[in-house]
Amino acid sequence: MGGVYGITGNMEFDRAARTGEIDVKLPLKNLQSSSEAFTHHLQSADLFNAEKFPEMRFESTKFNFFGKKLVSVEGNLTLLGKTQPVKLKANKFNCYNSPMAKTEVCGGDFSTTIDRTKWGMNYLVDAGMTKNVRLDIQI
């Protein structure tokens, strides 16, 4: 299994006003896969080019609700120095009173599928490798 570790950012959510803000940064130097060789290839200029573009970033622009339930978040994804709009589906989202933080805490699992070529990630597309990549983000 793999992923990006050491994610930083902030989420603000106002349930009553049905508004919010997400700003999440994913450090690509912390991108990992189950294979060290594959991890290095993912970080190489062929794909994420982590040396030149050390982070991926999502900044929200709109929270979408169905009744009181958060169903998706629209925003901008910056990858390889390019910014494109994306819509994250809220697969699971919940708020609860945290005894540790002594305040309400919210978070959830979000996902989207992107066409990686929109960000210039074209490696092996001409050879038939899929352009579509699913992103799963826990906030």
C-alpha atoms as a PDB file:
ATOM      1  CA  MET A   1       0.000   0.000   0.000  1.00  0.00           C
ATOM      2  CA  GLY A   2       1.172   3.526  -0.535  1.00  0.00           C
ATOM      3  CA  GLY A   3       0.257   7.146  -0.266  1.00  0.00           C
ATOM      4  CA  VAL A   4       1.546  10.585   0.590  1.00  0.00           C
ATOM      5  CA  TYR A   5       2.491  11.022   4.228  1.00  0.00           C
ATOM      6  CA  GLY A   6       3.070  14.173   6.275  1.00  0.00           C
ATOM      7  CA  ILE A   7       0.082  15.992   4.805  1.00  0.00           C
ATOM      8  CA  THR A   8      -0.484  19.440   6.317  1.00  0.00           C
ATOM      9  CA  GLY A   9      -3.299  21.892   6.046  1.00  0.00           C
ATOM     10  CA  ASN A  10      -6.405  23.297   7.540  1.00  0.00           C
ATOM     11  CA  MET A  11     -10.106  22.678   7.320  1.00  0.00           C
ATOM     12  CA  GLU A  12     -12.739  25.038   8.624  1.00  0.00           C
ATOM     13  CA  PHE A  13     -16.372  24.046   8.584  1.00  0.00           C
ATOM     14  CA  ASP A  14     -19.479  25.967   9.632  1.00  0.00           C
ATOM     15  CA  ARG A  15     -22.325  23.473   9.726  1.00  0.00           C
ATOM     16  CA  ALA A  16     -25.017  26.115  10.342  1.00  0.00           C
ATOM     17  CA  ALA A  17     -23.892  28.406   7.518  1.00  0.00           C
ATOM     18  CA  ARG A  18     -23.051  25.430   5.269  1.00  0.00           C
ATOM     19  CA  THR A  19     -19.703  26.889   4.380  1.00  0.00           C
ATOM     20  CA  GLY A  20     -16.130  25.880   4.827  1.00  0.00           C
ATOM     21  CA  GLU A  21     -12.584  26.069   3.657  1.00  0.00           C
ATOM     22  CA  ILE A  22      -9.956  23.437   2.953  1.00  0.00           C
ATOM     23  CA  ASP A  23      -6.296  24.058   2.188  1.00  0.00           C
ATOM     24  CA  VAL A  24      -4.254  20.851   2.080  1.00  0.00           C
ATOM     25  CA  LYS A  25      -0.609  20.395   1.046  1.00  0.00           C
ATOM     26  CA  LEU A  26       0.767  16.978   0.150  1.00  0.00           C
ATOM     27  CA  PRO A  27       4.596  16.766   0.288  1.00  0.00           C
ATOM     28  CA  LEU A  28       5.621  14.632  -2.677  1.00  0.00           C
ATOM     29  CA  LYS A  29       8.998  13.785  -1.118  1.00  0.00           C
ATOM     30  CA  ASN A  30       6.871  11.691   1.283  1.00  0.00           C
ATOM     31  CA  LEU A  31       5.164   9.793  -1.540  1.00  0.00           C
ATOM     32  CA  GLN A  32       5.536   6.056  -0.932  1.00  0.00           C
ATOM     33  CA  SER A  33       4.569   2.826  -2.644  1.00  0.00           C
ATOM     34  CA  SER A  34       5.125  -0.820  -1.787  1.00  0.00           C
ATOM     35  CA  SER A  35       8.279  -0.827  -3.947  1.00  0.00           C
ATOM     36  CA  GLU A  36      11.267   1.455  -3.384  1.00  0.00           C
ATOM     37  CA  ALA A  37      12.062   1.443  -7.126  1.00  0.00           C
ATOM     38  CA  PHE A  38       8.470   2.377  -7.991  1.00  0.00           C
ATOM     39  CA  THR A  39       8.471   5.115  -5.337  1.00  0.00           C
ATOM     40  CA  HIS A  40      11.576   6.660  -6.951  1.00  0.00           C
ATOM     41  CA  HIS A  41       9.932   6.437 -10.369  1.00  0.00           C
ATOM     42  CA  LEU A  42       6.751   8.105  -9.067  1.00  0.00           C
ATOM     43  CA  GLN A  43       8.879  10.945  -7.675  1.00  0.00           C
ATOM     44  CA  SER A  44      10.893  11.258 -10.916  1.00  0.00           C
ATOM     45  CA  ALA A  45      10.405  13.771 -13.729  1.00  0.00           C
ATOM     46  CA  ASP A  46       8.375  11.113 -15.612  1.00  0.00           C
ATOM     47  CA  LEU A  47       5.499  11.507 -13.167  1.00  0.00           C
ATOM     48  CA  PHE A  48       5.288  13.807 -10.099  1.00  0.00           C
ATOM     49  CA  ASN A  49       8.688  15.502 -10.585  1.00  0.00           C
ATOM     50  CA  ALA A  50       8.963  15.911  -6.802  1.00  0.00           C
ATOM     51  CA  GLU A  51      12.338  17.644  -6.963  1.00  0.00           C
ATOM     52  CA  LYS A  52      11.043  20.524  -9.110  1.00  0.00           C
ATOM     53  CA  PHE A  53       7.473  20.517  -7.718  1.00  0.00           C
ATOM     54  CA  PRO A  54       7.756  19.383  -4.071  1.00  0.00           C
ATOM     55  CA  GLU A  55       4.064  19.557  -3.194  1.00  0.00           C
ATOM     56  CA  MET A  56       0.571  18.985  -4.479  1.00  0.00           C
ATOM     57  CA  ARG A  57      -2.075  21.347  -3.080  1.00  0.00           C
ATOM     58  CA  PHE A  58      -5.861  21.425  -2.878  1.00  0.00           C
ATOM     59  CA  GLU A  59      -7.673  24.685  -2.062  1.00  0.00           C
ATOM     60  CA  SER A  60     -11.453  24.621  -1.801  1.00  0.00           C
ATOM     61  CA  THR A  61     -13.754  27.097  -3.524  1.00  0.00           C
ATOM     62  CA  LYS A  62     -17.220  25.715  -2.667  1.00  0.00           C
ATOM     63  CA  PHE A  63     -18.856  23.229  -0.288  1.00  0.00           C
ATOM     64  CA  ASN A  64     -21.908  21.391  -1.686  1.00  0.00           C
ATOM     65  CA  PHE A  65     -24.693  19.989   0.497  1.00  0.00           C
ATOM     66  CA  PHE A  66     -27.692  17.723   0.115  1.00  0.00           C
ATOM     67  CA  GLY A  67     -29.891  18.867   2.961  1.00  0.00           C
ATOM     68  CA  LYS A  68     -27.541  19.021   5.960  1.00  0.00           C
ATOM     69  CA  LYS A  69     -25.092  16.481   4.542  1.00  0.00           C
ATOM     70  CA  LEU A  70     -21.821  17.574   2.945  1.00  0.00           C
ATOM     71  CA  VAL A  71     -21.652  15.716  -0.381  1.00  0.00           C
ATOM     72  CA  SER A  72     -18.721  17.326  -2.194  1.00  0.00           C
ATOM     73  CA  VAL A  73     -16.138  20.067  -2.152  1.00  0.00           C
ATOM     74  CA  GLU A  74     -15.084  21.949  -5.272  1.00  0.00           C
ATOM     75  CA  GLY A  75     -11.663  23.495  -5.493  1.00  0.00           C
ATOM     76  CA  ASN A  76      -8.364  23.835  -7.277  1.00  0.00           C
ATOM     77  CA  LEU A  77      -5.679  21.167  -7.424  1.00  0.00           C
ATOM     78  CA  THR A  78      -2.135  22.327  -8.096  1.00  0.00           C
ATOM     79  CA  LEU A  79       0.192  19.659  -9.441  1.00  0.00           C
ATOM     80  CA  LEU A  80       3.346  19.976 -11.564  1.00  0.00           C
ATOM     81  CA  GLY A  81       3.021  23.764 -11.380  1.00  0.00           C
ATOM     82  CA  LYS A  82      -0.441  23.774 -12.982  1.00  0.00           C
ATOM     83  CA  THR A  83      -3.769  24.462 -11.293  1.00  0.00           C
ATOM     84  CA  GLN A  84      -7.010  22.852 -12.460  1.00  0.00           C
ATOM     85  CA  PRO A  85     -10.512  22.661 -10.938  1.00  0.00           C
ATOM     86  CA  VAL A  86     -11.573  19.390  -9.297  1.00  0.00           C
ATOM     87  CA  LYS A  87     -14.553  18.181  -7.284  1.00  0.00           C
ATOM     88  CA  LEU A  88     -13.915  15.969  -4.259  1.00  0.00           C
ATOM     89  CA  LYS A  89     -16.743  13.606  -3.339  1.00  0.00           C
ATOM     90  CA  ALA A  90     -17.326  13.386   0.424  1.00  0.00           C
ATOM     91  CA  ASN A  91     -17.438   9.609   0.891  1.00  0.00           C
ATOM     92  CA  LYS A  92     -17.531   9.888   4.681  1.00  0.00           C
ATOM     93  CA  PHE A  93     -17.681  13.108   6.652  1.00  0.00           C
ATOM     94  CA  ASN A  94     -18.441  13.652  10.310  1.00  0.00           C
ATOM     95  CA  CYS A  95     -18.051  16.154  13.122  1.00  0.00           C
ATOM     96  CA  TYR A  96     -17.745  15.238  16.786  1.00  0.00           C
ATOM     97  CA  ASN A  97     -16.814  16.833  20.099  1.00  0.00           C
ATOM     98  CA  SER A  98     -13.217  15.919  20.816  1.00  0.00           C
ATOM     99  CA  PRO A  99     -12.384  15.583  24.509  1.00  0.00           C
ATOM    100  CA  MET A 100      -8.724  16.024  23.628  1.00  0.00           C
ATOM    101  CA  ALA A 101      -9.152  19.217  21.583  1.00  0.00           C
ATOM    102  CA  LYS A 102     -12.074  20.364  23.768  1.00  0.00           C
ATOM    103  CA  THR A 103     -13.925  21.536  20.677  1.00  0.00           C
ATOM    104  CA  GLU A 104     -15.818  20.163  17.712  1.00  0.00           C
ATOM    105  CA  VAL A 105     -13.566  18.416  15.194  1.00  0.00           C
ATOM    106  CA  CYS A 106     -14.579  17.565  11.623  1.00  0.00           C
ATOM    107  CA  GLY A 107     -13.005  15.362   9.010  1.00  0.00           C
ATOM    108  CA  GLY A 108     -13.631  12.727   6.428  1.00  0.00           C
ATOM    109  CA  ASP A 109     -12.673  10.719   3.395  1.00  0.00           C
ATOM    110  CA  PHE A 110     -12.830  12.427   0.010  1.00  0.00           C
ATOM    111  CA  SER A 111     -12.107  11.148  -3.485  1.00  0.00           C
ATOM    112  CA  THR A 112     -11.971  12.225  -7.107  1.00  0.00           C
ATOM    113  CA  THR A 113     -10.729  10.890 -10.406  1.00  0.00           C
ATOM    114  CA  ILE A 114      -8.556  13.221 -12.457  1.00  0.00           C
ATOM    115  CA  ASP A 115      -7.235  13.184 -16.011  1.00  0.00           C
ATOM    116  CA  ARG A 116      -3.530  13.486 -15.199  1.00  0.00           C
ATOM    117  CA  THR A 117      -2.723  14.899 -18.654  1.00  0.00           C
ATOM    118  CA  LYS A 118      -4.482  18.153 -17.681  1.00  0.00           C
ATOM    119  CA  TRP A 119      -1.517  18.753 -15.361  1.00  0.00           C
ATOM    120  CA  GLY A 120       1.044  17.660 -17.976  1.00  0.00           C
ATOM    121  CA  MET A 121       1.612  14.165 -16.563  1.00  0.00           C
ATOM    122  CA  ASN A 122       1.748  12.367 -19.905  1.00  0.00           C
ATOM    123  CA  TYR A 123       4.058   9.436 -19.137  1.00  0.00           C
ATOM    124  CA  LEU A 124       3.116   6.360 -21.258  1.00  0.00           C
ATOM    125  CA  VAL A 125      -0.278   7.767 -22.287  1.00  0.00           C
ATOM    126  CA  ASP A 126       0.699   7.242 -25.946  1.00  0.00           C
ATOM    127  CA  ALA A 127       1.497   3.607 -25.092  1.00  0.00           C
ATOM    128  CA  GLY A 128      -2.010   3.069 -23.713  1.00  0.00           C
ATOM    129  CA  MET A 129      -1.570   3.751 -19.988  1.00  0.00           C
ATOM    130  CA  THR A 130      -4.711   5.289 -18.531  1.00  0.00           C
ATOM    131  CA  LYS A 131      -4.968   9.037 -18.127  1.00  0.00           C
ATOM    132  CA  ASN A 132      -7.420   8.678 -15.255  1.00  0.00           C
ATOM    133  CA  VAL A 133      -6.075   8.498 -11.712  1.00  0.00           C
ATOM    134  CA  ARG A 134      -8.156   8.169  -8.555  1.00  0.00           C
ATOM    135  CA  LEU A 135      -7.132  10.342  -5.612  1.00  0.00           C
ATOM    136  CA  ASP A 136      -8.265   9.479  -2.086  1.00  0.00           C
ATOM    137  CA  ILE A 137      -7.698  12.171   0.531  1.00  0.00           C
ATOM    138  CA  GLN A 138      -8.362  11.978   4.263  1.00  0.00           C
ATOM    139  CA  ILE A 139      -8.894  15.330   5.939  1.00  0.00           C
END
